[in-house]
């Protein structure tokens, strides 16, 4: 537990310095009213190959089975926020009961439609976390 807490704190610290944090994570955390100590971070699902091409569904399935599944079983999260549609697709390969998965729209252009999707996702995250706190 101590090792994971230290790793999570270190990862969060690094995340806050990067583009991904400024563009997406801060909205998830702020929009859902979550505190930093209520969140575990992971950025280990493959999205693209080194050549920027798509990878096979076999790779997606193995990433879900061998990385995401064990991590989810260990952490027992109340909600999973997948940063992007592809991360959500990878998580759909899990052959286990998972907590609700909310897909966060990672579109670079924050159009009014994207903003509306993000606001809806933030409300859903907050509702799911609130329900879990009452239960």
Protein backbone atom coordinates (compact mmCIF):
# COMPACT_ATOMS: atom_id res chain seq x y z
CA UNK A 1 0.00 0.00 0.00
CA UNK A 2 2.77 2.43 0.92
CA UNK A 3 4.59 1.79 -2.36
CA UNK A 4 1.44 2.41 -4.39
CA UNK A 5 0.67 5.58 -2.46
CA UNK A 6 4.17 6.90 -3.08
CA UNK A 7 4.03 5.95 -6.77
CA UNK A 8 0.57 7.49 -7.17
CA UNK A 9 1.68 10.73 -5.48
CA UNK A 10 4.76 10.88 -7.70
CA UNK A 11 2.73 10.19 -10.83
CA UNK A 12 0.17 12.85 -9.87
CA UNK A 13 2.99 15.32 -9.34
CA UNK A 14 4.36 14.60 -12.82
CA UNK A 15 0.90 14.63 -14.40
CA UNK A 16 0.18 18.12 -13.16
CA UNK A 17 3.22 19.39 -15.09
CA UNK A 18 2.17 17.86 -18.39
CA UNK A 19 -0.16 18.77 -21.22
CA UNK A 20 -2.50 15.85 -20.51
CA UNK A 21 -3.17 17.21 -17.01
CA UNK A 22 -3.81 20.77 -18.15
CA UNK A 23 -6.06 19.70 -20.99
CA UNK A 24 -8.09 16.94 -19.37
CA UNK A 25 -7.32 15.74 -15.84
CA UNK A 26 -7.80 19.09 -14.14
CA UNK A 27 -11.29 19.28 -15.66
CA UNK A 28 -12.13 15.78 -14.43
CA UNK A 29 -10.93 16.47 -10.91
CA UNK A 30 -12.35 19.99 -10.67
CA UNK A 31 -15.58 19.22 -12.49
CA UNK A 32 -16.33 16.21 -10.35
CA UNK A 33 -15.34 17.87 -7.09
CA UNK A 34 -12.78 15.20 -6.23
CA UNK A 35 -9.76 15.68 -4.01
CA UNK A 36 -6.34 14.53 -5.18
CA UNK A 37 -6.12 11.91 -2.44
CA UNK A 38 -9.29 10.25 -3.74
CA UNK A 39 -7.79 9.42 -7.12
CA UNK A 40 -5.39 6.78 -8.42
CA UNK A 41 -3.65 7.49 -11.71
CA UNK A 42 -2.56 5.12 -14.41
CA UNK A 43 -1.37 5.90 -17.90
CA UNK A 44 -0.39 2.47 -19.10
CA UNK A 45 -2.98 1.48 -21.67
CA UNK A 46 -1.56 1.56 -25.17
CA UNK A 47 -3.10 4.08 -27.51
CA UNK A 48 -0.82 4.15 -30.54
CA UNK A 49 2.22 2.32 -31.74
CA UNK A 50 5.59 4.08 -32.05
CA UNK A 51 4.80 4.66 -35.73
CA UNK A 52 1.52 6.36 -34.63
CA UNK A 53 -0.52 3.56 -36.22
CA UNK A 54 -3.34 1.65 -34.61
CA UNK A 55 -2.52 -1.53 -32.74
CA UNK A 56 -4.49 -4.74 -32.93
CA UNK A 57 -7.47 -5.65 -30.81
CA UNK A 58 -5.36 -8.55 -29.53
CA UNK A 59 -2.96 -6.01 -27.97
CA UNK A 60 -5.92 -4.09 -26.54
CA UNK A 61 -7.32 -7.28 -25.01
CA UNK A 62 -3.96 -8.23 -23.50
CA UNK A 63 -3.52 -4.70 -22.05
CA UNK A 64 -6.95 -4.98 -20.43
CA UNK A 65 -6.41 -8.51 -19.11
CA UNK A 66 -2.81 -8.21 -17.96
CA UNK A 67 -2.65 -4.64 -16.72
CA UNK A 68 -5.99 -2.93 -16.24
CA UNK A 69 -7.85 -5.93 -14.79
CA UNK A 70 -5.36 -6.72 -12.02
CA UNK A 71 -5.03 -3.01 -11.18
CA UNK A 72 -8.81 -2.60 -10.93
CA UNK A 73 -9.12 -5.71 -8.75
CA UNK A 74 -6.39 -4.38 -6.45
CA UNK A 75 -7.64 -0.79 -6.15
CA UNK A 76 -11.40 -1.51 -6.11
CA UNK A 77 -12.29 1.92 -7.54
CA UNK A 78 -15.77 3.40 -7.30
CA UNK A 79 -15.57 4.75 -10.82
CA UNK A 80 -13.09 4.55 -13.69
CA UNK A 81 -12.51 7.55 -15.91
CA UNK A 82 -11.12 6.56 -19.28
CA UNK A 83 -9.35 9.51 -20.87
CA UNK A 84 -10.54 9.05 -24.41
CA UNK A 85 -12.70 6.74 -26.44
CA UNK A 86 -9.84 4.33 -27.19
CA UNK A 87 -9.07 3.85 -23.49
CA UNK A 88 -12.77 3.09 -22.96
CA UNK A 89 -12.68 0.57 -25.81
CA UNK A 90 -9.65 -1.15 -24.30
CA UNK A 91 -11.39 -1.39 -20.93
CA UNK A 92 -14.44 -2.96 -22.63
CA UNK A 93 -12.25 -6.05 -23.20
CA UNK A 94 -12.27 -6.81 -19.47
CA UNK A 95 -14.01 -10.07 -18.62
CA UNK A 96 -14.82 -9.01 -15.06
CA UNK A 97 -17.40 -6.91 -13.32
CA UNK A 98 -16.05 -3.38 -13.24
CA UNK A 99 -17.27 -0.25 -11.56
CA UNK A 100 -18.89 2.23 -13.93
CA UNK A 101 -16.57 3.46 -16.67
CA UNK A 102 -17.01 7.07 -17.74
CA UNK A 103 -15.31 8.04 -21.00
CA UNK A 104 -13.86 11.56 -20.99
CA UNK A 105 -13.83 13.24 -24.40
CA UNK A 106 -10.19 14.06 -25.21
CA UNK A 107 -10.91 16.08 -28.34
CA UNK A 108 -8.28 18.77 -28.80
CA UNK A 109 -10.79 21.33 -30.01
CA UNK A 110 -13.03 22.21 -27.09
CA UNK A 111 -16.14 22.87 -29.16
CA UNK A 112 -19.46 23.50 -27.45
CA UNK A 113 -20.37 19.84 -28.05
CA UNK A 114 -17.14 18.62 -26.46
CA UNK A 115 -17.63 20.95 -23.50
CA UNK A 116 -21.17 19.65 -23.06
CA UNK A 117 -19.92 16.02 -23.13
CA UNK A 118 -17.25 16.84 -20.56
CA UNK A 119 -19.74 18.59 -18.27
CA UNK A 120 -22.06 15.58 -18.53
CA UNK A 121 -19.19 13.20 -17.73
CA UNK A 122 -18.16 15.32 -14.73
CA UNK A 123 -21.75 15.25 -13.41
CA UNK A 124 -21.87 11.48 -13.86
CA UNK A 125 -18.56 11.01 -12.03
CA UNK A 126 -19.77 13.17 -9.15
CA UNK A 127 -23.08 11.29 -8.98
CA UNK A 128 -21.31 7.93 -8.95
CA UNK A 129 -18.86 9.01 -6.28
CA UNK A 130 -21.65 10.54 -4.19
CA UNK A 131 -23.77 7.36 -4.40
CA UNK A 132 -20.78 5.28 -3.33
CA UNK A 133 -20.18 7.57 -0.35
CA UNK A 134 -23.80 7.13 0.79
CA UNK A 135 -23.81 3.36 0.35
